[in-house]
């Protein structure tokens, strides 16, 4: 099955914290990259579709809870 890519927008005030979390965690088959902009960053999660979607959903909930 081909990989899927999902994106989550993270405001500027949270992007450093999320980047540190992602750098220290073993994400296994999931790859991530960041695209910075003026008001925040887009974090792209690529890998198996179910895993990429779960990562995007988790980050969206994480941003809302902070």
PDB file of N, CA and C in Angstrom:
ATOM      1  N   UNK A   1       0.840  -1.169   0.000  1.00  0.00           N
ATOM      2  CA  UNK A   1       0.000   0.000   0.000  1.00  0.00           C
ATOM      3  C   UNK A   1       0.895   1.245   0.000  1.00  0.00           C
ATOM      4  N   UNK A   2       0.559   2.239  -0.806  1.00  0.00           N
ATOM      5  CA  UNK A   2       1.383   3.453  -0.865  1.00  0.00           C
ATOM      6  C   UNK A   2       1.276   4.263   0.430  1.00  0.00           C
ATOM      7  N   UNK A   3       2.299   5.054   0.665  1.00  0.00           N
ATOM      8  CA  UNK A   3       2.289   5.923   1.840  1.00  0.00           C
ATOM      9  C   UNK A   3       1.310   7.068   1.651  1.00  0.00           C
ATOM     10  N   UNK A   4       0.881   7.622   2.761  1.00  0.00           N
ATOM     11  CA  UNK A   4       0.003   8.793   2.758  1.00  0.00           C
ATOM     12  C   UNK A   4       0.706   9.907   3.518  1.00  0.00           C
ATOM     13  N   UNK A   5       0.333  11.133   3.212  1.00  0.00           N
ATOM     14  CA  UNK A   5       0.879  12.294   3.909  1.00  0.00           C
ATOM     15  C   UNK A   5      -0.268  13.129   4.445  1.00  0.00           C
ATOM     16  N   UNK A   6      -0.186  13.457   5.727  1.00  0.00           N
ATOM     17  CA  UNK A   6      -1.166  14.325   6.385  1.00  0.00           C
ATOM     18  C   UNK A   6      -0.408  15.507   6.964  1.00  0.00           C
ATOM     19  N   UNK A   7      -1.072  16.637   7.043  1.00  0.00           N
ATOM     20  CA  UNK A   7      -0.432  17.850   7.539  1.00  0.00           C
ATOM     21  C   UNK A   7      -1.212  18.426   8.716  1.00  0.00           C
ATOM     22  N   UNK A   8      -0.465  18.960   9.679  1.00  0.00           N
ATOM     23  CA  UNK A   8      -1.066  19.610  10.844  1.00  0.00           C
ATOM     24  C   UNK A   8      -0.410  20.979  11.003  1.00  0.00           C
ATOM     25  N   UNK A   9      -1.214  22.009  11.171  1.00  0.00           N
ATOM     26  CA  UNK A   9      -0.689  23.345  11.412  1.00  0.00           C
ATOM     27  C   UNK A   9      -0.481  23.533  12.906  1.00  0.00           C
ATOM     28  N   UNK A  10       0.694  24.042  13.256  1.00  0.00           N
ATOM     29  CA  UNK A  10       1.046  24.280  14.656  1.00  0.00           C
ATOM     30  C   UNK A  10       1.459  25.747  14.788  1.00  0.00           C
ATOM     31  N   UNK A  11       0.783  26.499  15.651  1.00  0.00           N
ATOM     32  CA  UNK A  11       1.130  27.905  15.845  1.00  0.00           C
ATOM     33  C   UNK A  11       2.579  28.085  16.313  1.00  0.00           C
ATOM     34  N   UNK A  12       3.120  29.258  16.058  1.00  0.00           N
ATOM     35  CA  UNK A  12       4.518  29.556  16.394  1.00  0.00           C
ATOM     36  C   UNK A  12       4.876  29.245  17.834  1.00  0.00           C
ATOM     37  N   UNK A  13       3.969  29.549  18.752  1.00  0.00           N
ATOM     38  CA  UNK A  13       4.310  29.375  20.165  1.00  0.00           C
ATOM     39  C   UNK A  13       4.439  27.916  20.590  1.00  0.00           C
ATOM     40  N   UNK A  14       3.984  26.977  19.762  1.00  0.00           N
ATOM     41  CA  UNK A  14       4.059  25.548  20.105  1.00  0.00           C
ATOM     42  C   UNK A  14       5.012  24.752  19.219  1.00  0.00           C
ATOM     43  N   UNK A  15       5.466  25.329  18.129  1.00  0.00           N
ATOM     44  CA  UNK A  15       6.238  24.521  17.179  1.00  0.00           C
ATOM     45  C   UNK A  15       7.572  24.036  17.725  1.00  0.00           C
ATOM     46  N   UNK A  16       8.263  24.849  18.528  1.00  0.00           N
ATOM     47  CA  UNK A  16       9.540  24.402  19.086  1.00  0.00           C
ATOM     48  C   UNK A  16       9.351  23.200  20.004  1.00  0.00           C
ATOM     49  N   UNK A  17       8.315  23.254  20.817  1.00  0.00           N
ATOM     50  CA  UNK A  17       8.035  22.147  21.739  1.00  0.00           C
ATOM     51  C   UNK A  17       7.695  20.865  20.978  1.00  0.00           C
ATOM     52  N   UNK A  18       6.852  20.984  19.948  1.00  0.00           N
ATOM     53  CA  UNK A  18       6.497  19.798  19.163  1.00  0.00           C
ATOM     54  C   UNK A  18       7.716  19.242  18.435  1.00  0.00           C
ATOM     55  N   UNK A  19       8.537  20.109  17.873  1.00  0.00           N
ATOM     56  CA  UNK A  19       9.731  19.653  17.166  1.00  0.00           C
ATOM     57  C   UNK A  19      10.640  18.869  18.111  1.00  0.00           C
ATOM     58  N   UNK A  20      10.822  19.350  19.341  1.00  0.00           N
ATOM     59  CA  UNK A  20      11.653  18.639  20.313  1.00  0.00           C
ATOM     60  C   UNK A  20      11.077  17.265  20.637  1.00  0.00           C
ATOM     61  N   UNK A  21       9.763  17.206  20.790  1.00  0.00           N
ATOM     62  CA  UNK A  21       9.106  15.925  21.068  1.00  0.00           C
ATOM     63  C   UNK A  21       9.334  14.954  19.921  1.00  0.00           C
ATOM     64  N   UNK A  22       9.125  15.412  18.699  1.00  0.00           N
ATOM     65  CA  UNK A  22       9.277  14.531  17.533  1.00  0.00           C
ATOM     66  C   UNK A  22      10.723  14.086  17.338  1.00  0.00           C
ATOM     67  N   UNK A  23      11.676  14.948  17.666  1.00  0.00           N
ATOM     68  CA  UNK A  23      13.088  14.593  17.511  1.00  0.00           C
ATOM     69  C   UNK A  23      13.539  13.545  18.524  1.00  0.00           C
ATOM     70  N   UNK A  24      12.904  13.500  19.680  1.00  0.00           N
ATOM     71  CA  UNK A  24      13.326  12.543  20.707  1.00  0.00           C
ATOM     72  C   UNK A  24      12.572  11.220  20.636  1.00  0.00           C
ATOM     73  N   UNK A  25      11.427  11.190  19.958  1.00  0.00           N
ATOM     74  CA  UNK A  25      10.617   9.976  19.880  1.00  0.00           C
ATOM     75  C   UNK A  25      11.048   9.111  18.697  1.00  0.00           C
ATOM     76  N   UNK A  26      10.916   7.811  18.869  1.00  0.00           N
ATOM     77  CA  UNK A  26      11.122   6.873  17.768  1.00  0.00           C
ATOM     78  C   UNK A  26       9.804   6.783  17.013  1.00  0.00           C
ATOM     79  N   UNK A  27       9.761   7.360  15.817  1.00  0.00           N
ATOM     80  CA  UNK A  27       8.515   7.383  15.047  1.00  0.00           C
ATOM     81  C   UNK A  27       8.378   6.186  14.112  1.00  0.00           C
ATOM     82  N   UNK A  28       9.326   5.269  14.165  1.00  0.00           N
ATOM     83  CA  UNK A  28       9.235   4.047  13.363  1.00  0.00           C
ATOM     84  C   UNK A  28       9.111   4.337  11.887  1.00  0.00           C
ATOM     85  N   UNK A  29       8.102   3.759  11.227  1.00  0.00           N
ATOM     86  CA  UNK A  29       7.955   3.940   9.783  1.00  0.00           C
ATOM     87  C   UNK A  29       7.384   5.309   9.398  1.00  0.00           C
ATOM     88  N   UNK A  30       7.099   6.133  10.384  1.00  0.00           N
ATOM     89  CA  UNK A  30       6.512   7.442  10.121  1.00  0.00           C
ATOM     90  C   UNK A  30       7.616   8.485   9.973  1.00  0.00           C
ATOM     91  N   UNK A  31       7.592   9.190   8.857  1.00  0.00           N
ATOM     92  CA  UNK A  31       8.545  10.282   8.627  1.00  0.00           C
ATOM     93  C   UNK A  31       7.808  11.606   8.810  1.00  0.00           C
ATOM     94  N   UNK A  32       8.520  12.598   9.302  1.00  0.00           N
ATOM     95  CA  UNK A  32       7.903  13.902   9.451  1.00  0.00           C
ATOM     96  C   UNK A  32       8.870  14.972   8.968  1.00  0.00           C
ATOM     97  N   UNK A  33       8.296  16.091   8.555  1.00  0.00           N
ATOM     98  CA  UNK A  33       9.100  17.245   8.177  1.00  0.00           C
ATOM     99  C   UNK A  33       8.306  18.489   8.525  1.00  0.00           C
ATOM    100  N   UNK A  34       9.017  19.576   8.643  1.00  0.00           N
ATOM    101  CA  UNK A  34       8.393  20.829   9.049  1.00  0.00           C
ATOM    102  C   UNK A  34       8.600  21.879   7.964  1.00  0.00           C
ATOM    103  N   UNK A  35       7.557  22.635   7.713  1.00  0.00           N
ATOM    104  CA  UNK A  35       7.639  23.782   6.798  1.00  0.00           C
ATOM    105  C   UNK A  35       7.202  25.008   7.597  1.00  0.00           C
ATOM    106  N   UNK A  36       8.149  25.882   7.865  1.00  0.00           N
ATOM    107  CA  UNK A  36       7.867  27.049   8.694  1.00  0.00           C
ATOM    108  C   UNK A  36       7.241  28.180   7.876  1.00  0.00           C
ATOM    109  N   UNK A  37       6.396  28.930   8.541  1.00  0.00           N
ATOM    110  CA  UNK A  37       5.825  30.136   7.958  1.00  0.00           C
ATOM    111  C   UNK A  37       5.810  31.210   9.046  1.00  0.00           C
ATOM    112  N   UNK A  38       5.291  32.354   8.736  1.00  0.00           N
ATOM    113  CA  UNK A  38       5.318  33.478   9.659  1.00  0.00           C
ATOM    114  C   UNK A  38       4.543  33.210  10.952  1.00  0.00           C
ATOM    115  N   UNK A  39       3.392  32.580  10.852  1.00  0.00           N
ATOM    116  CA  UNK A  39       2.521  32.406  12.014  1.00  0.00           C
ATOM    117  C   UNK A  39       2.561  31.011  12.630  1.00  0.00           C
ATOM    118  N   UNK A  40       3.396  30.142  12.110  1.00  0.00           N
ATOM    119  CA  UNK A  40       3.465  28.792  12.643  1.00  0.00           C
ATOM    120  C   UNK A  40       4.197  27.875  11.687  1.00  0.00           C
ATOM    121  N   UNK A  41       3.976  26.599  11.860  1.00  0.00           N
ATOM    122  CA  UNK A  41       4.609  25.595  11.014  1.00  0.00           C
ATOM    123  C   UNK A  41       3.582  24.565  10.576  1.00  0.00           C
ATOM    124  N   UNK A  42       3.807  24.049   9.394  1.00  0.00           N
ATOM    125  CA  UNK A  42       3.045  22.900   8.926  1.00  0.00           C
ATOM    126  C   UNK A  42       3.930  21.690   9.144  1.00  0.00           C
ATOM    127  N   UNK A  43       3.432  20.723   9.887  1.00  0.00           N
ATOM    128  CA  UNK A  43       4.153  19.479  10.102  1.00  0.00           C
ATOM    129  C   UNK A  43       3.517  18.416   9.220  1.00  0.00           C
ATOM    130  N   UNK A  44       4.323  17.826   8.350  1.00  0.00           N
ATOM    131  CA  UNK A  44       3.863  16.796   7.417  1.00  0.00           C
ATOM    132  C   UNK A  44       4.263  15.435   7.968  1.00  0.00           C
ATOM    133  N   UNK A  45       3.316  14.531   8.033  1.00  0.00           N
ATOM    134  CA  UNK A  45       3.545  13.173   8.514  1.00  0.00           C
ATOM    135  C   UNK A  45       3.293  12.210   7.361  1.00  0.00           C
ATOM    136  N   UNK A  46       4.321  11.444   6.986  1.00  0.00           N
ATOM    137  CA  UNK A  46       4.213  10.515   5.867  1.00  0.00           C
ATOM    138  C   UNK A  46       4.541   9.109   6.335  1.00  0.00           C
ATOM    139  N   UNK A  47       3.792   8.163   5.797  1.00  0.00           N
ATOM    140  CA  UNK A  47       4.010   6.767   6.139  1.00  0.00           C
ATOM    141  C   UNK A  47       2.760   5.971   5.875  1.00  0.00           C
ATOM    142  N   UNK A  48       2.615   4.832   6.540  1.00  0.00           N
ATOM    143  CA  UNK A  48       1.396   4.045   6.380  1.00  0.00           C
ATOM    144  C   UNK A  48       0.177   4.921   6.674  1.00  0.00           C
ATOM    145  N   UNK A  49      -0.852   4.866   5.827  1.00  0.00           N
ATOM    146  CA  UNK A  49      -1.997   5.778   5.967  1.00  0.00           C
ATOM    147  C   UNK A  49      -2.622   5.843   7.358  1.00  0.00           C
ATOM    148  N   UNK A  50      -2.813   4.721   8.004  1.00  0.00           N
ATOM    149  CA  UNK A  50      -3.446   4.726   9.330  1.00  0.00           C
ATOM    150  C   UNK A  50      -2.547   5.428  10.347  1.00  0.00           C
ATOM    151  N   UNK A  51      -1.272   5.156  10.302  1.00  0.00           N
ATOM    152  CA  UNK A  51      -0.333   5.760  11.237  1.00  0.00           C
ATOM    153  C   UNK A  51      -0.173   7.256  10.996  1.00  0.00           C
ATOM    154  N   UNK A  52      -0.083   7.658   9.739  1.00  0.00           N
ATOM    155  CA  UNK A  52       0.049   9.087   9.412  1.00  0.00           C
ATOM    156  C   UNK A  52      -1.185   9.857   9.848  1.00  0.00           C
ATOM    157  N   UNK A  53      -2.342   9.290   9.667  1.00  0.00           N
ATOM    158  CA  UNK A  53      -3.586   9.952  10.074  1.00  0.00           C
ATOM    159  C   UNK A  53      -3.672  10.059  11.595  1.00  0.00           C
ATOM    160  N   UNK A  54      -3.261   9.016  12.303  1.00  0.00           N
ATOM    161  CA  UNK A  54      -3.272   9.063  13.765  1.00  0.00           C
ATOM    162  C   UNK A  54      -2.312  10.128  14.290  1.00  0.00           C
ATOM    163  N   UNK A  55      -1.148  10.252  13.670  1.00  0.00           N
ATOM    164  CA  UNK A  55      -0.176  11.269  14.084  1.00  0.00           C
ATOM    165  C   UNK A  55      -0.748  12.666  13.876  1.00  0.00           C
ATOM    166  N   UNK A  56      -1.386  12.895  12.736  1.00  0.00           N
ATOM    167  CA  UNK A  56      -1.983  14.199  12.455  1.00  0.00           C
ATOM    168  C   UNK A  56      -3.091  14.509  13.452  1.00  0.00           C
ATOM    169  N   UNK A  57      -3.926  13.548  13.752  1.00  0.00           N
ATOM    170  CA  UNK A  57      -5.022  13.743  14.698  1.00  0.00           C
ATOM    171  C   UNK A  57      -4.477  14.009  16.103  1.00  0.00           C
ATOM    172  N   UNK A  58      -3.435  13.299  16.487  1.00  0.00           N
ATOM    173  CA  UNK A  58      -2.835  13.498  17.801  1.00  0.00           C
ATOM    174  C   UNK A  58      -2.273  14.914  17.927  1.00  0.00           C
ATOM    175  N   UNK A  59      -1.563  15.372  16.903  1.00  0.00           N
ATOM    176  CA  UNK A  59      -0.977  16.713  16.947  1.00  0.00           C
ATOM    177  C   UNK A  59      -2.072  17.771  17.001  1.00  0.00           C
ATOM    178  N   UNK A  60      -3.141  17.583  16.252  1.00  0.00           N
ATOM    179  CA  UNK A  60      -4.251  18.536  16.286  1.00  0.00           C
ATOM    180  C   UNK A  60      -4.852  18.621  17.687  1.00  0.00           C
ATOM    181  N   UNK A  61      -5.047  17.504  18.337  1.00  0.00           N
ATOM    182  CA  UNK A  61      -5.573  17.489  19.708  1.00  0.00           C
ATOM    183  C   UNK A  61      -4.551  18.086  20.682  1.00  0.00           C
ATOM    184  N   UNK A  62      -3.296  17.791  20.475  1.00  0.00           N
ATOM    185  CA  UNK A  62      -2.233  18.315  21.332  1.00  0.00           C
ATOM    186  C   UNK A  62      -2.211  19.840  21.278  1.00  0.00           C
ATOM    187  N   UNK A  63      -2.310  20.407  20.096  1.00  0.00           N
ATOM    188  CA  UNK A  63      -2.313  21.866  19.937  1.00  0.00           C
ATOM    189  C   UNK A  63      -3.517  22.469  20.653  1.00  0.00           C
ATOM    190  N   UNK A  64      -4.671  21.860  20.514  1.00  0.00           N
ATOM    191  CA  UNK A  64      -5.883  22.388  21.157  1.00  0.00           C
ATOM    192  C   UNK A  64      -5.801  22.334  22.685  1.00  0.00           C
ATOM    193  N   UNK A  65      -5.081  21.357  23.214  1.00  0.00           N
ATOM    194  CA  UNK A  65      -5.013  21.202  24.661  1.00  0.00           C
ATOM    195  C   UNK A  65      -3.930  22.082  25.304  1.00  0.00           C
ATOM    196  N   UNK A  66      -3.114  22.724  24.493  1.00  0.00           N
ATOM    197  CA  UNK A  66      -2.040  23.587  25.052  1.00  0.00           C
ATOM    198  C   UNK A  66      -2.422  25.028  24.964  1.00  0.00           C
TER     199      UNK A  66
END
